[in-house]
């Protein structure tokens, strides 16, 4: 666990907060994986969090329960949508971290949506 990521680095679920056009925060509980002091999230390409992130890359992350109940410190950062190669890397990281359910969820999503139906998000914590 690194200092920049704090408790977020080891959390199974992370509360990802993105911002609407009017600045209203919208929080969503997501799976998250950490590599090289960055956090990676895998989600549906047409999700609202992706649309909000394209407009405003500012995000916050906080450890949370599976239901989204936050605990721990909030980390501010900048999110970016990954290309197909980056997304495939995130899929591999998700399969490895969530070793039982991860491979099943990734396979089911690929069968349902195809490879382009999901996208990886990279979050770099603010200095």
Protein backbone atom coordinates (compact mmCIF):
# COMPACT_ATOMS: atom_id res chain seq x y z
CA UNK A 1 0.00 0.00 0.00
CA UNK A 2 1.50 3.35 -0.97
CA UNK A 3 1.12 6.64 0.88
CA UNK A 4 -0.48 8.40 -2.10
CA UNK A 5 -3.27 5.81 -2.32
CA UNK A 6 -3.72 5.10 1.38
CA UNK A 7 -6.47 2.61 2.24
CA UNK A 8 -7.90 2.83 -1.29
CA UNK A 9 -5.04 0.65 -2.54
CA UNK A 10 -6.15 -2.38 -0.54
CA UNK A 11 -9.91 -1.90 -0.68
CA UNK A 12 -12.11 -4.43 -2.47
CA UNK A 13 -14.69 -1.73 -3.22
CA UNK A 14 -14.04 1.94 -3.87
CA UNK A 15 -16.51 4.80 -3.98
CA UNK A 16 -15.78 6.61 -7.25
CA UNK A 17 -17.20 10.12 -7.34
CA UNK A 18 -17.59 11.93 -10.66
CA UNK A 19 -19.25 15.31 -11.27
CA UNK A 20 -22.27 16.41 -13.30
CA UNK A 21 -22.23 19.52 -15.49
CA UNK A 22 -23.60 21.60 -12.60
CA UNK A 23 -20.90 20.27 -10.24
CA UNK A 24 -23.14 17.87 -8.32
CA UNK A 25 -21.10 14.87 -7.12
CA UNK A 26 -22.32 11.37 -8.04
CA UNK A 27 -20.76 8.46 -6.16
CA UNK A 28 -20.72 4.83 -7.35
CA UNK A 29 -19.27 1.77 -5.65
CA UNK A 30 -16.91 -0.05 -8.03
CA UNK A 31 -14.24 -2.73 -8.05
CA UNK A 32 -10.79 -1.18 -8.20
CA UNK A 33 -7.30 -2.52 -8.72
CA UNK A 34 -4.01 -0.79 -8.00
CA UNK A 35 -0.81 -0.90 -9.99
CA UNK A 36 2.16 1.48 -10.08
CA UNK A 37 0.52 4.07 -7.79
CA UNK A 38 -2.52 4.29 -10.05
CA UNK A 39 -6.01 2.93 -9.59
CA UNK A 40 -7.85 1.14 -12.38
CA UNK A 41 -11.59 0.66 -12.71
CA UNK A 42 -13.49 -1.41 -15.26
CA UNK A 43 -17.05 -0.43 -16.24
CA UNK A 44 -19.62 -0.34 -19.03
CA UNK A 45 -18.67 2.00 -21.88
CA UNK A 46 -22.10 3.67 -21.94
CA UNK A 47 -22.33 4.23 -18.17
CA UNK A 48 -23.04 7.70 -16.81
CA UNK A 49 -19.77 7.73 -14.88
CA UNK A 50 -17.89 7.41 -18.18
CA UNK A 51 -19.93 10.22 -19.75
CA UNK A 52 -19.30 12.47 -16.74
CA UNK A 53 -15.59 11.59 -16.74
CA UNK A 54 -15.24 12.55 -20.42
CA UNK A 55 -16.59 16.00 -19.56
CA UNK A 56 -14.74 16.47 -16.27
CA UNK A 57 -11.73 14.27 -15.33
CA UNK A 58 -11.76 15.30 -11.64
CA UNK A 59 -12.68 12.38 -9.35
CA UNK A 60 -12.49 11.33 -5.74
CA UNK A 61 -11.98 7.82 -4.40
CA UNK A 62 -12.77 6.43 -0.98
CA UNK A 63 -12.82 2.88 0.39
CA UNK A 64 -16.38 1.61 0.82
CA UNK A 65 -18.52 -1.45 1.37
CA UNK A 66 -20.15 -3.37 -1.49
CA UNK A 67 -23.28 -1.28 -0.93
CA UNK A 68 -21.35 2.00 -1.19
CA UNK A 69 -21.10 2.90 2.51
CA UNK A 70 -17.89 4.96 2.67
CA UNK A 71 -15.13 4.58 5.25
CA UNK A 72 -11.57 5.84 5.29
CA UNK A 73 -9.92 8.86 3.76
CA UNK A 74 -10.90 10.49 0.49
CA UNK A 75 -8.30 10.63 -2.31
CA UNK A 76 -8.62 13.24 -5.05
CA UNK A 77 -7.40 12.42 -8.52
CA UNK A 78 -7.72 12.71 -12.27
CA UNK A 79 -9.41 10.02 -14.31
CA UNK A 80 -8.85 9.07 -17.92
CA UNK A 81 -10.62 6.64 -20.23
CA UNK A 82 -8.27 3.95 -21.54
CA UNK A 83 -7.98 2.62 -25.09
CA UNK A 84 -8.66 -1.02 -26.05
CA UNK A 85 -5.20 -2.24 -25.00
CA UNK A 86 -5.39 -0.44 -21.67
CA UNK A 87 -8.88 -1.81 -21.07
CA UNK A 88 -7.68 -5.35 -21.75
CA UNK A 89 -4.95 -4.84 -19.16
CA UNK A 90 -7.55 -3.69 -16.62
CA UNK A 91 -9.65 -6.79 -17.37
CA UNK A 92 -6.60 -8.95 -16.58
CA UNK A 93 -5.98 -7.08 -13.34
CA UNK A 94 -9.64 -7.49 -12.32
CA UNK A 95 -9.55 -11.22 -13.08
CA UNK A 96 -6.42 -11.59 -10.96
CA UNK A 97 -7.54 -9.53 -7.94
CA UNK A 98 -11.09 -10.85 -7.79
CA UNK A 99 -9.93 -14.40 -8.52
CA UNK A 100 -13.28 -16.14 -8.09
CA UNK A 101 -15.93 -13.70 -9.30
CA UNK A 102 -13.72 -11.53 -11.50
CA UNK A 103 -13.18 -14.05 -14.32
CA UNK A 104 -16.89 -14.94 -14.33
CA UNK A 105 -18.03 -11.30 -14.46
CA UNK A 106 -15.50 -10.40 -17.18
CA UNK A 107 -16.51 -13.43 -19.27
CA UNK A 108 -20.22 -12.72 -18.84
CA UNK A 109 -19.75 -9.08 -19.76
CA UNK A 110 -17.71 -9.98 -22.84
CA UNK A 111 -20.38 -12.43 -24.00
CA UNK A 112 -23.16 -9.93 -23.36
CA UNK A 113 -21.58 -6.65 -24.52
CA UNK A 114 -18.53 -7.68 -26.54
CA UNK A 115 -15.04 -6.30 -25.89
CA UNK A 116 -16.02 -2.75 -26.81
CA UNK A 117 -18.92 -2.77 -24.34
CA UNK A 118 -16.62 -2.10 -21.41
CA UNK A 119 -13.83 0.34 -20.79
CA UNK A 120 -11.01 0.80 -18.32
CA UNK A 121 -10.53 3.97 -16.31
CA UNK A 122 -7.15 5.03 -14.94
CA UNK A 123 -7.10 7.32 -11.92
CA UNK A 124 -3.91 9.16 -10.96
CA UNK A 125 -4.01 10.60 -7.43
CA UNK A 126 -3.40 14.32 -7.05
CA UNK A 127 -0.03 15.33 -5.62
